[in-house]
N, C-alpha and C. Protein backbone atom coordinates (compact mmCIF):
# COMPACT_ATOMS: atom_id res chain seq x y z
N MET A 1 -10.25 -3.33 9.56
CA MET A 1 -11.12 -3.76 8.52
C MET A 1 -12.45 -4.17 9.17
N ALA A 2 -13.51 -3.67 8.65
CA ALA A 2 -14.82 -3.97 9.23
C ALA A 2 -15.27 -5.36 8.80
N ALA A 3 -15.84 -6.07 9.73
CA ALA A 3 -16.36 -7.40 9.42
C ALA A 3 -17.72 -7.26 8.78
N CYS A 4 -17.94 -8.05 7.79
CA CYS A 4 -19.21 -7.99 7.06
C CYS A 4 -19.99 -9.26 7.37
N LEU A 5 -21.14 -9.12 7.93
CA LEU A 5 -21.97 -10.28 8.27
C LEU A 5 -23.08 -10.39 7.25
N VAL A 6 -23.26 -11.57 6.74
CA VAL A 6 -24.29 -11.84 5.75
C VAL A 6 -25.27 -12.83 6.34
N ILE A 7 -26.53 -12.50 6.24
CA ILE A 7 -27.55 -13.41 6.72
C ILE A 7 -28.11 -14.15 5.52
N VAL A 8 -28.09 -15.46 5.62
CA VAL A 8 -28.55 -16.32 4.54
C VAL A 8 -29.93 -16.86 4.90
N PHE A 9 -30.85 -16.72 3.98
CA PHE A 9 -32.21 -17.21 4.19
C PHE A 9 -32.35 -18.54 3.46
N ARG A 10 -32.68 -19.57 4.22
CA ARG A 10 -32.91 -20.89 3.61
C ARG A 10 -34.39 -21.25 3.77
N ASN A 11 -35.04 -21.48 2.66
CA ASN A 11 -36.43 -21.87 2.70
C ASN A 11 -36.54 -23.23 2.01
N GLY A 12 -36.33 -24.26 2.79
CA GLY A 12 -36.39 -25.61 2.24
C GLY A 12 -37.83 -26.04 2.00
N ARG A 13 -38.04 -27.04 1.22
CA ARG A 13 -39.38 -27.53 0.91
C ARG A 13 -39.83 -28.58 1.92
N SER A 14 -39.08 -28.69 3.02
CA SER A 14 -39.43 -29.72 3.98
C SER A 14 -40.53 -29.26 4.92
N GLY A 15 -41.00 -28.03 4.78
CA GLY A 15 -42.06 -27.53 5.62
C GLY A 15 -41.57 -26.99 6.96
N ARG A 16 -40.27 -27.01 7.15
CA ARG A 16 -39.74 -26.47 8.40
C ARG A 16 -39.70 -24.96 8.33
N GLU A 17 -39.49 -24.38 9.49
CA GLU A 17 -39.34 -22.93 9.59
C GLU A 17 -38.09 -22.51 8.81
N PRO A 18 -38.12 -21.31 8.23
CA PRO A 18 -36.90 -20.80 7.56
C PRO A 18 -35.77 -20.67 8.59
N THR A 19 -34.58 -20.93 8.15
CA THR A 19 -33.41 -20.86 9.02
C THR A 19 -32.55 -19.69 8.61
N TYR A 20 -32.15 -18.91 9.59
CA TYR A 20 -31.25 -17.78 9.35
C TYR A 20 -29.87 -18.15 9.91
N VAL A 21 -28.87 -18.01 9.08
CA VAL A 21 -27.51 -18.37 9.51
C VAL A 21 -26.60 -17.17 9.25
N VAL A 22 -25.80 -16.83 10.22
CA VAL A 22 -24.81 -15.77 10.03
C VAL A 22 -23.62 -16.40 9.31
N ALA A 23 -23.33 -15.89 8.12
CA ALA A 23 -22.31 -16.50 7.28
C ALA A 23 -20.94 -16.50 7.93
N SER A 24 -20.62 -15.51 8.72
CA SER A 24 -19.28 -15.44 9.30
C SER A 24 -19.03 -16.56 10.31
N GLU A 25 -20.07 -17.18 10.84
CA GLU A 25 -19.89 -18.30 11.75
C GLU A 25 -19.36 -19.52 11.01
N ARG A 26 -19.66 -19.63 9.76
CA ARG A 26 -19.21 -20.77 8.95
C ARG A 26 -17.91 -20.49 8.22
N SER A 27 -17.65 -19.24 7.93
CA SER A 27 -16.49 -18.92 7.11
C SER A 27 -15.23 -18.73 7.96
N HIS A 28 -14.13 -18.79 7.31
CA HIS A 28 -12.83 -18.59 7.95
C HIS A 28 -12.13 -17.47 7.20
N PRO A 29 -12.35 -16.22 7.59
CA PRO A 29 -11.74 -15.11 6.84
C PRO A 29 -10.22 -15.15 6.92
N TYR A 30 -9.60 -14.74 5.86
CA TYR A 30 -8.16 -14.66 5.77
C TYR A 30 -7.69 -13.43 6.52
N GLN A 31 -6.77 -13.59 7.41
CA GLN A 31 -6.26 -12.47 8.20
C GLN A 31 -5.12 -11.81 7.44
N LEU A 32 -5.40 -10.69 6.80
CA LEU A 32 -4.39 -10.02 6.00
C LEU A 32 -3.24 -9.48 6.85
N GLY A 33 -3.55 -9.06 8.07
CA GLY A 33 -2.52 -8.54 8.93
C GLY A 33 -1.55 -9.59 9.41
N ALA A 34 -1.90 -10.86 9.28
CA ALA A 34 -1.05 -11.95 9.75
C ALA A 34 0.04 -12.31 8.74
N VAL A 35 -0.02 -11.75 7.56
CA VAL A 35 0.94 -12.08 6.52
C VAL A 35 2.10 -11.11 6.61
N ASP A 36 3.29 -11.63 6.78
CA ASP A 36 4.48 -10.81 6.80
C ASP A 36 5.01 -10.69 5.38
N LYS A 37 4.95 -9.49 4.87
CA LYS A 37 5.47 -9.27 3.52
C LYS A 37 6.96 -8.97 3.60
N PRO A 38 7.74 -9.61 2.73
CA PRO A 38 9.16 -9.28 2.72
C PRO A 38 9.35 -7.86 2.16
N VAL A 39 10.34 -7.17 2.65
CA VAL A 39 10.63 -5.83 2.14
C VAL A 39 11.20 -6.00 0.74
N PRO A 40 10.64 -5.25 -0.23
CA PRO A 40 11.11 -5.39 -1.61
C PRO A 40 12.61 -5.04 -1.73
N ASP A 41 13.27 -5.69 -2.64
CA ASP A 41 14.69 -5.46 -2.87
C ASP A 41 14.82 -4.22 -3.75
N SER A 42 15.10 -3.09 -3.13
CA SER A 42 15.19 -1.84 -3.89
C SER A 42 16.52 -1.72 -4.63
N SER A 43 17.45 -2.62 -4.40
CA SER A 43 18.74 -2.53 -5.08
C SER A 43 18.62 -2.78 -6.57
N ARG A 44 17.47 -3.32 -6.99
CA ARG A 44 17.26 -3.59 -8.42
C ARG A 44 16.53 -2.44 -9.11
N LEU A 45 16.31 -1.35 -8.40
CA LEU A 45 15.56 -0.23 -8.95
C LEU A 45 16.15 0.29 -10.26
N TYR A 46 17.46 0.40 -10.31
CA TYR A 46 18.13 0.92 -11.50
C TYR A 46 18.84 -0.19 -12.28
N GLU A 47 18.39 -1.43 -12.11
CA GLU A 47 19.02 -2.54 -12.81
C GLU A 47 18.97 -2.36 -14.32
N ASP A 48 20.12 -2.52 -14.97
CA ASP A 48 20.27 -2.43 -16.43
C ASP A 48 19.97 -1.03 -16.98
N ILE A 49 20.10 0.00 -16.12
CA ILE A 49 19.88 1.38 -16.57
C ILE A 49 21.24 2.08 -16.51
N PRO A 50 21.73 2.60 -17.64
CA PRO A 50 23.02 3.27 -17.61
C PRO A 50 22.97 4.54 -16.74
N ILE A 51 24.12 4.86 -16.16
CA ILE A 51 24.22 6.04 -15.30
C ILE A 51 24.28 7.29 -16.17
N ASP A 52 23.44 8.26 -15.81
CA ASP A 52 23.41 9.55 -16.50
C ASP A 52 23.21 10.61 -15.44
N ARG A 53 24.23 11.46 -15.24
CA ARG A 53 24.19 12.47 -14.16
C ARG A 53 23.02 13.43 -14.30
N GLU A 54 22.77 13.87 -15.52
CA GLU A 54 21.64 14.80 -15.73
C GLU A 54 20.30 14.16 -15.39
N LEU A 55 20.14 12.92 -15.82
CA LEU A 55 18.88 12.25 -15.56
C LEU A 55 18.70 11.90 -14.08
N LEU A 56 19.80 11.70 -13.36
CA LEU A 56 19.71 11.48 -11.93
C LEU A 56 19.13 12.70 -11.20
N GLU A 57 19.49 13.89 -11.69
CA GLU A 57 18.91 15.12 -11.12
C GLU A 57 17.40 15.15 -11.37
N LEU A 58 17.00 14.76 -12.57
CA LEU A 58 15.56 14.70 -12.86
C LEU A 58 14.87 13.62 -12.05
N ASP A 59 15.57 12.51 -11.83
CA ASP A 59 15.00 11.43 -10.98
C ASP A 59 14.73 11.94 -9.57
N LYS A 60 15.68 12.70 -9.01
CA LYS A 60 15.51 13.24 -7.67
C LYS A 60 14.30 14.19 -7.62
N ARG A 61 14.21 15.02 -8.63
CA ARG A 61 13.09 15.96 -8.68
C ARG A 61 11.76 15.23 -8.82
N ALA A 62 11.73 14.23 -9.70
CA ALA A 62 10.49 13.46 -9.92
C ALA A 62 10.10 12.69 -8.65
N LEU A 63 11.08 12.16 -7.95
CA LEU A 63 10.80 11.43 -6.72
C LEU A 63 10.18 12.37 -5.67
N THR A 64 10.74 13.56 -5.56
CA THR A 64 10.20 14.53 -4.62
C THR A 64 8.77 14.92 -4.99
N GLU A 65 8.54 15.14 -6.28
CA GLU A 65 7.19 15.52 -6.74
C GLU A 65 6.20 14.37 -6.57
N ALA A 66 6.64 13.14 -6.83
CA ALA A 66 5.77 11.98 -6.67
C ALA A 66 5.40 11.77 -5.20
N TYR A 67 6.36 11.97 -4.32
CA TYR A 67 6.11 11.84 -2.88
C TYR A 67 5.10 12.91 -2.45
N HIS A 68 5.30 14.11 -2.93
CA HIS A 68 4.38 15.20 -2.59
C HIS A 68 2.97 14.89 -3.11
N ALA A 69 2.87 14.39 -4.34
CA ALA A 69 1.56 14.05 -4.90
C ALA A 69 0.90 12.94 -4.10
N GLN A 70 1.68 11.97 -3.64
CA GLN A 70 1.12 10.90 -2.83
C GLN A 70 0.59 11.43 -1.51
N LEU A 71 1.32 12.36 -0.89
CA LEU A 71 0.84 12.96 0.36
C LEU A 71 -0.45 13.74 0.14
N LEU A 72 -0.51 14.47 -0.97
CA LEU A 72 -1.74 15.20 -1.29
C LEU A 72 -2.93 14.24 -1.41
N ASN A 73 -2.67 13.09 -2.07
CA ASN A 73 -3.71 12.09 -2.22
C ASN A 73 -4.12 11.50 -0.88
N LEU A 74 -3.17 11.19 -0.04
CA LEU A 74 -3.49 10.63 1.28
C LEU A 74 -4.35 11.61 2.08
N TRP A 75 -3.95 12.88 2.10
CA TRP A 75 -4.70 13.88 2.85
C TRP A 75 -6.10 14.04 2.27
N ALA A 76 -6.21 14.06 0.96
CA ALA A 76 -7.52 14.26 0.33
C ALA A 76 -8.47 13.10 0.67
N VAL A 77 -7.98 11.89 0.60
CA VAL A 77 -8.80 10.73 0.91
C VAL A 77 -9.20 10.75 2.39
N TRP A 78 -8.27 11.09 3.27
CA TRP A 78 -8.57 11.10 4.69
C TRP A 78 -9.61 12.19 5.02
N LEU A 79 -9.46 13.35 4.40
CA LEU A 79 -10.41 14.43 4.64
C LEU A 79 -11.79 14.12 4.06
N LYS A 80 -11.83 13.44 2.92
CA LYS A 80 -13.11 13.05 2.33
C LYS A 80 -13.86 12.06 3.23
N GLY A 81 -13.13 11.31 3.99
CA GLY A 81 -13.73 10.38 4.95
C GLY A 81 -14.06 11.03 6.26
N GLN A 82 -14.20 12.35 6.25
CA GLN A 82 -14.52 13.15 7.44
C GLN A 82 -13.48 12.94 8.55
N ALA A 83 -12.23 12.76 8.17
CA ALA A 83 -11.14 12.65 9.13
C ALA A 83 -11.44 11.62 10.20
N GLY A 84 -11.89 10.45 9.76
CA GLY A 84 -12.22 9.38 10.70
C GLY A 84 -10.98 8.64 11.15
N ASP A 85 -11.06 7.33 11.13
CA ASP A 85 -9.96 6.47 11.60
C ASP A 85 -8.70 6.75 10.77
N PRO A 86 -7.62 7.17 11.42
CA PRO A 86 -6.41 7.51 10.67
C PRO A 86 -5.56 6.32 10.27
N GLN A 87 -6.02 5.09 10.49
CA GLN A 87 -5.21 3.90 10.21
C GLN A 87 -4.74 3.86 8.77
N TYR A 88 -5.64 4.07 7.83
CA TYR A 88 -5.27 3.98 6.41
C TYR A 88 -4.31 5.09 6.01
N PHE A 89 -4.53 6.27 6.57
CA PHE A 89 -3.62 7.40 6.31
C PHE A 89 -2.23 7.06 6.84
N THR A 90 -2.18 6.56 8.08
CA THR A 90 -0.90 6.23 8.69
C THR A 90 -0.18 5.14 7.91
N ASN A 91 -0.91 4.11 7.49
CA ASN A 91 -0.31 3.04 6.69
C ASN A 91 0.21 3.58 5.36
N GLY A 92 -0.57 4.42 4.71
CA GLY A 92 -0.15 5.01 3.45
C GLY A 92 1.08 5.89 3.60
N LEU A 93 1.14 6.61 4.70
CA LEU A 93 2.30 7.47 4.97
C LEU A 93 3.55 6.62 5.21
N LYS A 94 3.40 5.54 5.95
CA LYS A 94 4.55 4.66 6.19
C LYS A 94 5.07 4.06 4.88
N ILE A 95 4.15 3.62 4.04
CA ILE A 95 4.52 3.04 2.75
C ILE A 95 5.22 4.06 1.87
N ALA A 96 4.66 5.28 1.80
CA ALA A 96 5.24 6.33 0.97
C ALA A 96 6.64 6.71 1.47
N ARG A 97 6.80 6.81 2.77
CA ARG A 97 8.11 7.16 3.32
C ARG A 97 9.14 6.07 3.11
N ARG A 98 8.72 4.82 3.24
CA ARG A 98 9.63 3.71 3.02
C ARG A 98 10.09 3.69 1.55
N ALA A 99 9.13 3.89 0.63
CA ALA A 99 9.47 3.89 -0.77
C ALA A 99 10.37 5.07 -1.14
N TYR A 100 10.07 6.24 -0.56
CA TYR A 100 10.91 7.43 -0.81
C TYR A 100 12.33 7.18 -0.33
N LYS A 101 12.47 6.62 0.85
CA LYS A 101 13.79 6.34 1.41
C LYS A 101 14.55 5.36 0.54
N GLN A 102 13.89 4.30 0.11
CA GLN A 102 14.54 3.30 -0.74
C GLN A 102 15.01 3.93 -2.04
N ALA A 103 14.14 4.69 -2.67
CA ALA A 103 14.48 5.29 -3.97
C ALA A 103 15.59 6.33 -3.81
N SER A 104 15.50 7.17 -2.78
CA SER A 104 16.52 8.21 -2.60
C SER A 104 17.88 7.58 -2.28
N GLU A 105 17.90 6.45 -1.57
CA GLU A 105 19.16 5.76 -1.30
C GLU A 105 19.76 5.22 -2.59
N GLN A 106 18.91 4.70 -3.47
CA GLN A 106 19.41 4.19 -4.76
C GLN A 106 19.92 5.32 -5.64
N ILE A 107 19.24 6.45 -5.61
CA ILE A 107 19.70 7.60 -6.39
C ILE A 107 21.05 8.07 -5.87
N ALA A 108 21.18 8.17 -4.55
CA ALA A 108 22.45 8.58 -3.94
C ALA A 108 23.57 7.62 -4.31
N LYS A 109 23.24 6.33 -4.31
CA LYS A 109 24.24 5.32 -4.69
C LYS A 109 24.68 5.52 -6.14
N ARG A 110 23.70 5.79 -6.99
CA ARG A 110 24.02 6.02 -8.42
C ARG A 110 24.85 7.27 -8.61
N GLU A 111 24.56 8.31 -7.83
CA GLU A 111 25.33 9.54 -7.91
C GLU A 111 26.78 9.30 -7.48
N ALA A 112 26.98 8.51 -6.43
CA ALA A 112 28.33 8.16 -6.01
C ALA A 112 29.06 7.38 -7.10
N GLU A 113 28.36 6.46 -7.76
CA GLU A 113 28.96 5.71 -8.85
C GLU A 113 29.33 6.62 -10.01
N ALA A 114 28.48 7.59 -10.30
CA ALA A 114 28.72 8.51 -11.41
C ALA A 114 29.96 9.38 -11.11
N LYS A 115 30.12 9.78 -9.85
CA LYS A 115 31.28 10.63 -9.48
C LYS A 115 32.59 9.84 -9.55
N SER A 116 32.50 8.57 -9.28
CA SER A 116 33.73 7.75 -9.30
C SER A 116 34.17 7.39 -10.71
N LYS A 117 33.35 7.63 -11.70
CA LYS A 117 33.70 7.28 -13.09
C LYS A 117 34.27 8.47 -13.82
């Protein structure tokens, strides 16, 4: 994340010279990378949803299509940025893959439950 420096111009009526202050010297930016986010509980993905074998097939297809659409979006954004720093692309890819894995595991679990009934 790029740091943004703001120069503040103070022109007091005391007759002194104008003072220039770099705002980041006074501020305490919040470090987003320092926050550990808990992994979402994907076991609640299908909470209170009845099992339907046909719809599970559609869920699998929709998940695959949604993952593909997300990858297309990630590539498009990265290419629009002249293929610069890949950090955001890499982070987006990690998030998409984690979500795909969580959802596909829940779908597989539901399929196993449907077979046992």
